[in-house]
């Protein structure tokens, strides 16, 4: 499989869906692609960006399909979030009151692992992604991340989590305030998509967001996320 593009069959495999279903979506203009010599070709970066937005509306089974289709050698597929989240990369509270300060603090928290080699580049990439379209959900969660992987700016993939004192404007679709933030920094697109799919499932777990908001320490939040990740497991 090319590192830059997919054929129709490769795209179906990448998305974990039936080829005929993908072909219908492509013919209706629902998936970005172009014909070259009569065959459909899909650029990897375009598909990643399209899928990021599509996943925001996916159900748990659909997100599971993405998880199963993404193979990453960097993480344990059974607990992808816990593989990249550490006690030291959870900060409660996150002392930030603006969108930029949230991102600055999260990059600093992620840097506690010594895996963020170029914090300025990482922050710039995350800010640029937010300018394209906010990563905030309507439930008060935001999942900021760079638009493209940063293999030269980070040593290993890492997730940082923070909860602010109160909600702040972060660009949610209906202008809801955001107070729970997962910064996702990955070295490759497969790990990135797998983690986004698992986080999409986690924030749908009944009661988890309320528990994260009421927890009184960083350690408690870390345990809540780790336990929820383990309970979802491999399906």
Protein backbone atom coordinates (compact mmCIF):
# COMPACT_ATOMS: atom_id res chain seq x y z
CA UNK A 1 0.00 0.00 0.00
CA UNK A 2 1.36 3.47 -0.92
CA UNK A 3 2.27 5.78 1.93
CA UNK A 4 0.82 8.71 -0.03
CA UNK A 5 -2.40 7.38 -1.56
CA UNK A 6 -4.98 4.59 -1.52
CA UNK A 7 -6.82 2.69 -4.21
CA UNK A 8 -10.54 2.03 -3.68
CA UNK A 9 -9.85 -1.40 -2.18
CA UNK A 10 -7.08 -0.08 0.05
CA UNK A 11 -9.34 2.73 1.28
CA UNK A 12 -12.09 0.27 2.21
CA UNK A 13 -9.53 -1.76 4.16
CA UNK A 14 -8.15 1.39 5.79
CA UNK A 15 -11.63 2.44 6.92
CA UNK A 16 -12.69 -1.06 7.94
CA UNK A 17 -15.77 -0.94 5.71
CA UNK A 18 -17.21 -2.83 2.76
CA UNK A 19 -15.76 -1.86 -0.63
CA UNK A 20 -19.21 -1.50 -2.20
CA UNK A 21 -20.30 0.88 0.56
CA UNK A 22 -17.19 3.00 0.04
CA UNK A 23 -17.72 3.01 -3.73
CA UNK A 24 -21.25 4.38 -3.26
CA UNK A 25 -20.02 7.14 -0.94
CA UNK A 26 -17.27 8.07 -3.38
CA UNK A 27 -19.66 8.21 -6.35
CA UNK A 28 -21.91 10.56 -4.33
CA UNK A 29 -19.01 12.87 -3.53
CA UNK A 30 -19.06 12.00 0.16
CA UNK A 31 -15.37 10.99 0.24
CA UNK A 32 -12.61 13.15 -1.27
CA UNK A 33 -10.91 11.44 -4.21
CA UNK A 34 -10.10 11.75 -7.89
CA UNK A 35 -9.96 9.46 -10.91
CA UNK A 36 -6.61 8.75 -12.52
CA UNK A 37 -6.69 6.64 -15.65
CA UNK A 38 -10.21 5.51 -14.83
CA UNK A 39 -9.37 4.38 -11.29
CA UNK A 40 -10.14 6.15 -8.04
CA UNK A 41 -7.16 7.47 -6.09
CA UNK A 42 -7.37 8.91 -2.56
CA UNK A 43 -4.67 11.04 -0.98
CA UNK A 44 -3.75 9.88 2.50
CA UNK A 45 -3.71 13.34 4.11
CA UNK A 46 -7.09 14.26 2.59
CA UNK A 47 -8.63 11.02 3.86
CA UNK A 48 -7.19 11.55 7.34
CA UNK A 49 -8.60 15.08 7.54
CA UNK A 50 -11.98 13.97 6.17
CA UNK A 51 -12.16 11.05 8.59
CA UNK A 52 -11.30 13.25 11.57
CA UNK A 53 -14.43 15.27 10.94
CA UNK A 54 -16.63 12.29 10.07
CA UNK A 55 -15.72 10.51 13.31
CA UNK A 56 -17.22 13.33 15.36
CA UNK A 57 -20.65 11.98 14.39
CA UNK A 58 -19.82 8.26 14.47
CA UNK A 59 -21.57 5.81 16.75
CA UNK A 60 -19.64 3.46 19.01
CA UNK A 61 -19.78 0.55 16.49
CA UNK A 62 -18.52 2.80 13.69
CA UNK A 63 -15.65 4.01 15.86
CA UNK A 64 -14.84 0.40 16.72
CA UNK A 65 -14.51 -0.26 13.00
CA UNK A 66 -11.89 2.48 12.73
CA UNK A 67 -10.03 1.06 15.71
CA UNK A 68 -9.90 -2.40 14.19
CA UNK A 69 -8.68 -1.11 10.83
CA UNK A 70 -5.79 0.98 12.19
CA UNK A 71 -2.69 -1.02 13.05
CA UNK A 72 -0.13 0.79 15.19
CA UNK A 73 3.12 -0.70 16.45
CA UNK A 74 3.51 2.10 18.97
CA UNK A 75 0.57 1.36 21.26
CA UNK A 76 -1.42 -1.47 22.80
CA UNK A 77 -4.61 -1.63 20.71
CA UNK A 78 -6.52 -2.86 23.76
CA UNK A 79 -5.78 0.34 25.69
CA UNK A 80 -4.64 2.90 23.10
CA UNK A 81 -5.28 5.97 25.25
CA UNK A 82 -3.64 4.50 28.35
CA UNK A 83 -0.64 3.55 26.21
CA UNK A 84 0.10 7.24 25.62
CA UNK A 85 -1.31 8.91 28.76
CA UNK A 86 0.76 9.02 31.95
CA UNK A 87 0.09 10.28 35.47
CA UNK A 88 2.45 13.20 34.81
CA UNK A 89 0.59 14.20 31.63
CA UNK A 90 -2.67 14.80 33.49
CA UNK A 91 -3.15 18.26 35.01
CA UNK A 92 -6.04 19.11 37.35
CA UNK A 93 -6.70 22.00 37.33
CA UNK A 94 -5.26 23.40 34.14
CA UNK A 95 -4.58 27.05 34.94
CA UNK A 96 -5.70 28.55 31.66
CA UNK A 97 -8.50 30.92 30.74
CA UNK A 98 -8.13 31.35 26.99
CA UNK A 99 -7.88 28.97 24.04
CA UNK A 100 -4.24 29.78 23.41
CA UNK A 101 -3.26 29.44 27.06
CA UNK A 102 -4.99 26.04 27.22
CA UNK A 103 -2.90 24.83 24.30
CA UNK A 104 0.30 26.32 25.72
CA UNK A 105 -0.32 24.59 29.06
CA UNK A 106 -1.16 21.25 27.42
CA UNK A 107 2.04 21.30 25.35
CA UNK A 108 3.96 22.02 28.56
CA UNK A 109 2.22 19.15 30.34
CA UNK A 110 2.99 16.78 27.45
CA UNK A 111 6.60 17.93 27.66
CA UNK A 112 6.95 16.37 31.10
CA UNK A 113 7.62 13.10 29.30
CA UNK A 114 10.70 14.65 27.61
CA UNK A 115 9.24 13.42 24.32
CA UNK A 116 8.27 16.87 23.00
CA UNK A 117 11.48 17.87 21.26
CA UNK A 118 10.24 21.09 19.70
CA UNK A 119 7.45 22.65 21.81
CA UNK A 120 7.24 25.77 19.65
CA UNK A 121 6.67 23.72 16.49
CA UNK A 122 4.08 21.56 18.24
CA UNK A 123 2.18 24.58 19.57
CA UNK A 124 2.25 26.26 16.16
CA UNK A 125 0.91 23.10 14.49
CA UNK A 126 -1.91 22.71 17.02
CA UNK A 127 -2.89 26.39 16.71
CA UNK A 128 -2.88 26.07 12.92
CA UNK A 129 -5.22 23.06 13.16
CA UNK A 130 -7.61 25.03 15.34
CA UNK A 131 -7.66 27.86 12.80
CA UNK A 132 -8.89 25.43 10.14
CA UNK A 133 -11.70 24.07 12.34
CA UNK A 134 -12.09 23.79 16.09
CA UNK A 135 -11.61 20.39 17.72
CA UNK A 136 -14.24 21.19 20.38
CA UNK A 137 -17.30 18.96 20.80
CA UNK A 138 -20.71 20.01 22.06
CA UNK A 139 -20.26 18.15 25.36
CA UNK A 140 -17.50 20.39 26.71
CA UNK A 141 -14.66 18.19 25.44
CA UNK A 142 -11.98 19.31 22.99
CA UNK A 143 -9.34 17.10 21.39
CA UNK A 144 -6.68 19.46 19.98
CA UNK A 145 -4.03 17.96 17.72
CA UNK A 146 -1.80 18.91 14.78
CA UNK A 147 -3.26 18.66 11.28
CA UNK A 148 -0.46 16.29 10.27
CA UNK A 149 1.82 13.94 12.28
CA UNK A 150 4.99 15.50 13.72
CA UNK A 151 7.63 12.72 13.67
CA UNK A 152 10.49 15.26 13.82
CA UNK A 153 9.06 17.31 16.69
CA UNK A 154 8.24 14.51 19.15
CA UNK A 155 10.17 11.44 20.24
CA UNK A 156 7.17 9.25 21.00
CA UNK A 157 3.43 9.74 20.66
CA UNK A 158 1.85 11.20 23.79
CA UNK A 159 -1.52 12.33 25.15
CA UNK A 160 -1.94 15.12 27.70
CA UNK A 161 -5.18 15.84 29.56
CA UNK A 162 -6.27 18.93 31.42
CA UNK A 163 -9.41 20.32 33.06
CA UNK A 164 -9.84 24.06 33.44
CA UNK A 165 -11.44 25.80 36.43
CA UNK A 166 -14.45 26.66 34.28
CA UNK A 167 -15.52 26.40 30.67
CA UNK A 168 -13.89 28.63 28.07
CA UNK A 169 -14.81 29.51 24.46
CA UNK A 170 -12.99 26.96 22.29
CA UNK A 171 -15.07 26.98 19.12
CA UNK A 172 -17.67 24.28 19.80
CA UNK A 173 -20.38 24.05 17.09
CA UNK A 174 -23.14 25.61 19.20
CA UNK A 175 -20.78 27.86 21.18
CA UNK A 176 -20.80 25.63 24.24
CA UNK A 177 -17.88 26.23 26.58
CA UNK A 178 -15.12 23.61 26.87
CA UNK A 179 -13.44 22.46 30.08
CA UNK A 180 -12.03 18.97 29.31
CA UNK A 181 -9.07 18.79 26.93
CA UNK A 182 -7.16 15.87 25.41
CA UNK A 183 -4.04 16.95 23.50
CA UNK A 184 -3.11 14.22 21.01
CA UNK A 185 0.42 14.20 19.56
CA UNK A 186 1.20 11.23 17.33
CA UNK A 187 4.10 10.31 15.09
CA UNK A 188 2.00 8.65 12.36
CA UNK A 189 -1.52 8.88 10.96
CA UNK A 190 -2.61 5.33 11.90
CA UNK A 191 -1.82 5.84 15.58
CA UNK A 192 -3.48 9.25 15.36
CA UNK A 193 -6.74 7.88 13.93
CA UNK A 194 -6.82 4.93 16.31
CA UNK A 195 -6.45 7.27 19.30
CA UNK A 196 -9.09 9.68 18.00
CA UNK A 197 -11.50 6.78 17.51
CA UNK A 198 -10.92 5.50 21.04
CA UNK A 199 -11.31 8.99 22.52
CA UNK A 200 -14.54 9.34 20.55
CA UNK A 201 -15.78 6.18 22.24
CA UNK A 202 -14.54 7.21 25.67
CA UNK A 203 -16.40 10.51 25.68
CA UNK A 204 -19.59 8.57 24.94
CA UNK A 205 -19.20 6.33 28.01
CA UNK A 206 -22.16 7.11 30.31
CA UNK A 207 -21.12 9.12 33.37
CA UNK A 208 -17.43 9.41 32.49
CA UNK A 209 -17.41 13.11 31.69
CA UNK A 210 -19.30 13.90 34.87
CA UNK A 211 -16.76 11.85 36.85
CA UNK A 212 -13.86 13.66 35.20
CA UNK A 213 -15.42 16.99 36.14
CA UNK A 214 -15.98 16.03 39.76
CA UNK A 215 -12.63 14.29 40.40
CA UNK A 216 -10.51 16.17 42.92
CA UNK A 217 -6.99 15.28 41.74
CA UNK A 218 -4.89 14.55 38.68
CA UNK A 219 -4.28 11.01 39.92
CA UNK A 220 -8.02 10.38 40.23
CA UNK A 221 -8.62 11.58 36.69
CA UNK A 222 -5.80 9.41 35.36
CA UNK A 223 -7.32 6.34 37.02
CA UNK A 224 -10.78 7.15 35.64
CA UNK A 225 -9.49 7.43 32.09
CA UNK A 226 -7.30 4.35 32.39
CA UNK A 227 -10.14 2.24 33.80
CA UNK A 228 -12.62 3.39 31.13
CA UNK A 229 -10.08 2.67 28.41
CA UNK A 230 -9.48 -0.84 29.76
CA UNK A 231 -13.21 -1.57 30.02
CA UNK A 232 -13.74 -0.72 26.35
CA UNK A 233 -10.92 -3.14 25.50
CA UNK A 234 -10.64 -4.80 22.10
CA UNK A 235 -13.93 -5.50 20.37
